[in-house]
N, C-alpha and C. Protein backbone atom coordinates (compact mmCIF):
# COMPACT_ATOMS: atom_id res chain seq x y z
N HIS A 1 0.83 -1.20 0.00
CA HIS A 1 0.00 0.00 0.00
C HIS A 1 0.87 1.26 0.00
N ARG A 2 1.93 1.26 0.80
CA ARG A 2 2.82 2.41 0.88
C ARG A 2 3.54 2.66 -0.44
N LEU A 3 3.96 1.58 -1.12
CA LEU A 3 4.64 1.70 -2.40
C LEU A 3 3.71 2.29 -3.45
N ILE A 4 2.48 1.85 -3.50
CA ILE A 4 1.51 2.39 -4.45
C ILE A 4 1.30 3.88 -4.20
N ARG A 5 1.16 4.28 -2.93
CA ARG A 5 0.98 5.69 -2.59
C ARG A 5 2.17 6.51 -3.06
N ARG A 6 3.40 6.01 -2.83
CA ARG A 6 4.61 6.74 -3.24
C ARG A 6 4.66 6.86 -4.76
N GLN A 7 4.32 5.81 -5.49
CA GLN A 7 4.33 5.86 -6.95
C GLN A 7 3.30 6.86 -7.45
N ARG A 8 2.13 6.90 -6.82
CA ARG A 8 1.09 7.85 -7.21
C ARG A 8 1.54 9.28 -6.95
N GLN A 9 2.20 9.52 -5.82
CA GLN A 9 2.71 10.85 -5.50
C GLN A 9 3.72 11.30 -6.55
N MET A 10 4.63 10.42 -6.92
CA MET A 10 5.65 10.77 -7.89
C MET A 10 5.02 11.08 -9.24
N CYS A 11 4.03 10.30 -9.65
CA CYS A 11 3.35 10.52 -10.92
C CYS A 11 2.65 11.88 -10.93
N ILE A 12 1.93 12.19 -9.88
CA ILE A 12 1.23 13.47 -9.80
C ILE A 12 2.23 14.61 -9.77
N ARG A 13 3.25 14.50 -8.93
CA ARG A 13 4.24 15.56 -8.77
C ARG A 13 4.95 15.83 -10.09
N ASP A 14 5.27 14.80 -10.84
CA ASP A 14 6.02 14.96 -12.08
C ASP A 14 5.18 15.49 -13.23
N SER A 15 3.87 15.31 -13.18
CA SER A 15 3.04 15.69 -14.32
C SER A 15 2.15 16.90 -14.05
N TYR A 16 1.99 17.32 -12.81
CA TYR A 16 1.04 18.39 -12.48
C TYR A 16 1.76 19.72 -12.30
N ASN A 17 1.24 20.74 -12.96
CA ASN A 17 1.79 22.08 -12.85
C ASN A 17 0.60 23.04 -12.74
N PRO A 18 0.33 23.60 -11.55
CA PRO A 18 -0.87 24.44 -11.40
C PRO A 18 -0.84 25.69 -12.27
N GLN A 19 0.33 26.25 -12.52
CA GLN A 19 0.41 27.43 -13.39
C GLN A 19 0.00 27.06 -14.81
N GLN A 20 0.52 25.97 -15.31
CA GLN A 20 0.15 25.50 -16.64
C GLN A 20 -1.34 25.19 -16.71
N TYR A 21 -1.88 24.59 -15.66
CA TYR A 21 -3.31 24.27 -15.61
C TYR A 21 -4.15 25.55 -15.76
N MET A 22 -3.79 26.60 -15.03
CA MET A 22 -4.55 27.85 -15.12
C MET A 22 -4.43 28.47 -16.51
N GLU A 23 -3.22 28.48 -17.06
CA GLU A 23 -3.03 29.05 -18.39
C GLU A 23 -3.82 28.28 -19.45
N GLU A 24 -3.79 26.97 -19.37
CA GLU A 24 -4.49 26.15 -20.36
C GLU A 24 -6.00 26.24 -20.24
N ASN A 25 -6.51 26.62 -19.09
CA ASN A 25 -7.96 26.70 -18.88
C ASN A 25 -8.48 28.13 -18.81
N LEU A 26 -7.67 29.09 -19.21
CA LEU A 26 -8.08 30.49 -19.17
C LEU A 26 -9.37 30.72 -19.96
N HIS A 27 -9.50 30.10 -21.13
CA HIS A 27 -10.71 30.32 -21.94
C HIS A 27 -11.96 29.85 -21.22
N TYR A 28 -11.89 28.75 -20.45
CA TYR A 28 -13.05 28.30 -19.68
C TYR A 28 -13.37 29.28 -18.56
N ILE A 29 -12.35 29.79 -17.94
CA ILE A 29 -12.53 30.73 -16.83
C ILE A 29 -13.17 32.01 -17.35
N LYS A 30 -12.68 32.52 -18.47
CA LYS A 30 -13.15 33.80 -19.00
C LYS A 30 -14.56 33.72 -19.60
N GLU A 31 -14.96 32.57 -20.10
CA GLU A 31 -16.26 32.49 -20.77
C GLU A 31 -17.42 32.25 -19.81
N ASN A 32 -17.14 32.10 -18.53
CA ASN A 32 -18.19 31.87 -17.54
C ASN A 32 -18.23 32.99 -16.51
N ALA A 33 -19.43 33.32 -16.07
CA ALA A 33 -19.57 34.37 -15.04
C ALA A 33 -18.91 33.95 -13.73
N CYS A 34 -18.97 32.68 -13.44
CA CYS A 34 -18.35 32.14 -12.23
C CYS A 34 -17.73 30.79 -12.58
N CYS A 35 -16.49 30.62 -12.22
CA CYS A 35 -15.78 29.38 -12.48
C CYS A 35 -15.09 28.95 -11.20
N VAL A 36 -15.15 27.68 -10.89
CA VAL A 36 -14.57 27.16 -9.65
C VAL A 36 -13.30 26.38 -9.98
N ALA A 37 -12.22 26.77 -9.35
CA ALA A 37 -10.97 26.02 -9.44
C ALA A 37 -10.69 25.48 -8.05
N ILE A 38 -10.52 24.19 -7.95
CA ILE A 38 -10.35 23.56 -6.65
C ILE A 38 -8.89 23.16 -6.45
N PHE A 39 -8.36 23.59 -5.32
CA PHE A 39 -6.99 23.25 -4.95
C PHE A 39 -7.01 22.66 -3.55
N HIS A 40 -5.94 21.99 -3.19
CA HIS A 40 -5.81 21.39 -1.86
C HIS A 40 -4.50 21.85 -1.23
N PRO A 41 -4.35 23.17 -1.04
CA PRO A 41 -3.08 23.66 -0.50
C PRO A 41 -2.94 23.32 0.98
N GLY A 42 -1.72 23.33 1.44
CA GLY A 42 -1.53 23.14 2.86
C GLY A 42 -0.09 22.89 3.22
N TYR A 43 0.17 23.13 4.47
CA TYR A 43 1.47 22.81 5.03
C TYR A 43 1.39 21.40 5.57
N LEU A 44 2.50 20.74 5.60
CA LEU A 44 2.52 19.32 5.93
C LEU A 44 2.83 19.09 7.40
N ASP A 45 2.01 18.28 8.02
CA ASP A 45 2.30 17.83 9.37
C ASP A 45 2.40 16.30 9.34
N HIS A 46 2.68 15.71 10.45
CA HIS A 46 2.88 14.27 10.50
C HIS A 46 1.66 13.50 9.99
N TYR A 47 0.48 13.91 10.37
CA TYR A 47 -0.74 13.21 9.94
C TYR A 47 -0.86 13.24 8.42
N ILE A 48 -0.71 14.41 7.82
CA ILE A 48 -0.82 14.52 6.36
C ILE A 48 0.26 13.67 5.69
N LEU A 49 1.48 13.73 6.20
CA LEU A 49 2.57 12.97 5.59
C LEU A 49 2.32 11.46 5.62
N THR A 50 1.63 10.99 6.63
CA THR A 50 1.42 9.55 6.76
C THR A 50 0.07 9.09 6.23
N HIS A 51 -0.87 10.00 5.95
CA HIS A 51 -2.21 9.58 5.54
C HIS A 51 -2.68 10.12 4.19
N SER A 52 -1.92 10.99 3.57
CA SER A 52 -2.40 11.61 2.34
C SER A 52 -1.53 11.23 1.15
N SER A 53 -2.16 11.10 0.00
CA SER A 53 -1.41 10.88 -1.24
C SER A 53 -1.11 12.21 -1.94
N PHE A 54 -1.57 13.31 -1.35
CA PHE A 54 -1.37 14.63 -1.96
C PHE A 54 -0.34 15.45 -1.19
N THR A 55 0.67 14.83 -0.63
CA THR A 55 1.63 15.58 0.18
C THR A 55 2.39 16.60 -0.65
N HIS A 56 2.98 16.20 -1.75
CA HIS A 56 3.75 17.13 -2.57
C HIS A 56 2.84 18.14 -3.26
N VAL A 57 1.69 17.69 -3.69
CA VAL A 57 0.74 18.58 -4.36
C VAL A 57 0.28 19.68 -3.41
N ARG A 58 0.02 19.36 -2.16
CA ARG A 58 -0.42 20.38 -1.19
C ARG A 58 0.61 21.49 -1.05
N ALA A 59 1.86 21.13 -0.90
CA ALA A 59 2.92 22.13 -0.77
C ALA A 59 3.09 22.92 -2.06
N MET A 60 3.04 22.24 -3.20
CA MET A 60 3.17 22.90 -4.50
C MET A 60 2.03 23.90 -4.71
N GLU A 61 0.81 23.50 -4.39
CA GLU A 61 -0.33 24.40 -4.59
C GLU A 61 -0.30 25.56 -3.61
N CYS A 62 0.16 25.33 -2.41
CA CYS A 62 0.28 26.42 -1.44
C CYS A 62 1.24 27.48 -1.97
N GLU A 63 2.38 27.04 -2.45
CA GLU A 63 3.35 27.98 -3.03
C GLU A 63 2.77 28.70 -4.23
N PHE A 64 2.08 27.98 -5.11
CA PHE A 64 1.49 28.57 -6.30
C PHE A 64 0.43 29.61 -5.94
N LEU A 65 -0.47 29.26 -5.03
CA LEU A 65 -1.57 30.17 -4.68
C LEU A 65 -1.09 31.43 -3.97
N CYS A 66 0.09 31.39 -3.39
CA CYS A 66 0.68 32.56 -2.72
C CYS A 66 1.66 33.31 -3.63
N SER A 67 1.80 32.88 -4.87
CA SER A 67 2.83 33.42 -5.76
C SER A 67 2.45 34.79 -6.34
N GLU A 68 3.49 35.56 -6.61
CA GLU A 68 3.31 36.84 -7.30
C GLU A 68 2.82 36.61 -8.72
N TRP A 69 3.26 35.50 -9.32
CA TRP A 69 2.81 35.19 -10.68
C TRP A 69 1.29 35.11 -10.74
N LEU A 70 0.68 34.40 -9.82
CA LEU A 70 -0.77 34.23 -9.84
C LEU A 70 -1.46 35.57 -9.59
N LYS A 71 -0.96 36.33 -8.66
CA LYS A 71 -1.55 37.65 -8.38
C LYS A 71 -1.54 38.52 -9.64
N LYS A 72 -0.42 38.55 -10.35
CA LYS A 72 -0.31 39.35 -11.58
C LYS A 72 -1.17 38.77 -12.69
N TRP A 73 -1.21 37.45 -12.80
CA TRP A 73 -2.00 36.79 -13.84
C TRP A 73 -3.47 37.09 -13.66
N LEU A 74 -3.96 37.02 -12.43
CA LEU A 74 -5.37 37.33 -12.15
C LEU A 74 -5.68 38.77 -12.53
N ALA A 75 -4.82 39.70 -12.16
CA ALA A 75 -5.04 41.11 -12.48
C ALA A 75 -4.99 41.34 -13.99
N GLN A 76 -4.02 40.73 -14.65
CA GLN A 76 -3.85 40.89 -16.10
C GLN A 76 -5.09 40.42 -16.86
N HIS A 77 -5.74 39.38 -16.38
CA HIS A 77 -6.90 38.82 -17.07
C HIS A 77 -8.23 39.25 -16.44
N HIS A 78 -8.16 40.20 -15.52
CA HIS A 78 -9.35 40.77 -14.88
C HIS A 78 -10.22 39.69 -14.25
N ILE A 79 -9.57 38.80 -13.50
CA ILE A 79 -10.26 37.72 -12.82
C ILE A 79 -10.35 38.07 -11.34
N GLU A 80 -11.56 38.06 -10.83
CA GLU A 80 -11.81 38.40 -9.44
C GLU A 80 -11.99 37.13 -8.62
N LEU A 81 -11.30 37.07 -7.49
CA LEU A 81 -11.49 35.95 -6.58
C LEU A 81 -12.65 36.24 -5.66
N VAL A 82 -13.52 35.29 -5.50
CA VAL A 82 -14.68 35.43 -4.62
C VAL A 82 -14.79 34.17 -3.78
N ASP A 83 -15.66 34.21 -2.79
CA ASP A 83 -15.96 32.99 -2.04
C ASP A 83 -17.47 32.82 -2.02
N PHE A 84 -17.93 31.78 -1.42
CA PHE A 84 -19.35 31.46 -1.48
C PHE A 84 -20.22 32.50 -0.79
N ARG A 85 -19.66 33.32 0.07
CA ARG A 85 -20.45 34.39 0.69
C ARG A 85 -20.96 35.37 -0.36
N ASN A 86 -20.25 35.50 -1.48
CA ASN A 86 -20.68 36.39 -2.55
C ASN A 86 -21.98 35.90 -3.20
N TYR A 87 -22.34 34.65 -3.00
CA TYR A 87 -23.49 34.06 -3.67
C TYR A 87 -24.56 33.58 -2.72
N GLN A 88 -24.46 33.92 -1.47
CA GLN A 88 -25.42 33.40 -0.49
C GLN A 88 -26.85 33.88 -0.70
N ASP A 89 -27.04 35.02 -1.33
CA ASP A 89 -28.38 35.54 -1.55
C ASP A 89 -28.99 35.12 -2.89
N MET A 90 -28.24 34.39 -3.67
CA MET A 90 -28.72 33.96 -4.99
C MET A 90 -29.56 32.69 -4.83
N ALA A 91 -30.62 32.60 -5.60
CA ALA A 91 -31.46 31.39 -5.60
C ALA A 91 -30.74 30.30 -6.38
N LEU A 92 -30.88 29.09 -5.95
CA LEU A 92 -30.23 27.98 -6.66
C LEU A 92 -31.02 27.55 -7.85
């Protein structure tokens, strides 16, 4: 089980690039009034290191989401970050 988890981590870490993901999906983001991008950022503690298959991805996404590149990219493309409180009064 541990070997499979490590192989999965390496595969994800080697092939996933959050910056590339955002750039490649810009057209989807821009053509919708609201678009949801889901990330799993976080700092690693013992529990996460021993129970999660997203250990490297969490640290990578945390760094990406705090990056100056993302801040500039959002401004350049006029993308506003919101949370669900912005939509609490809307009917489903």
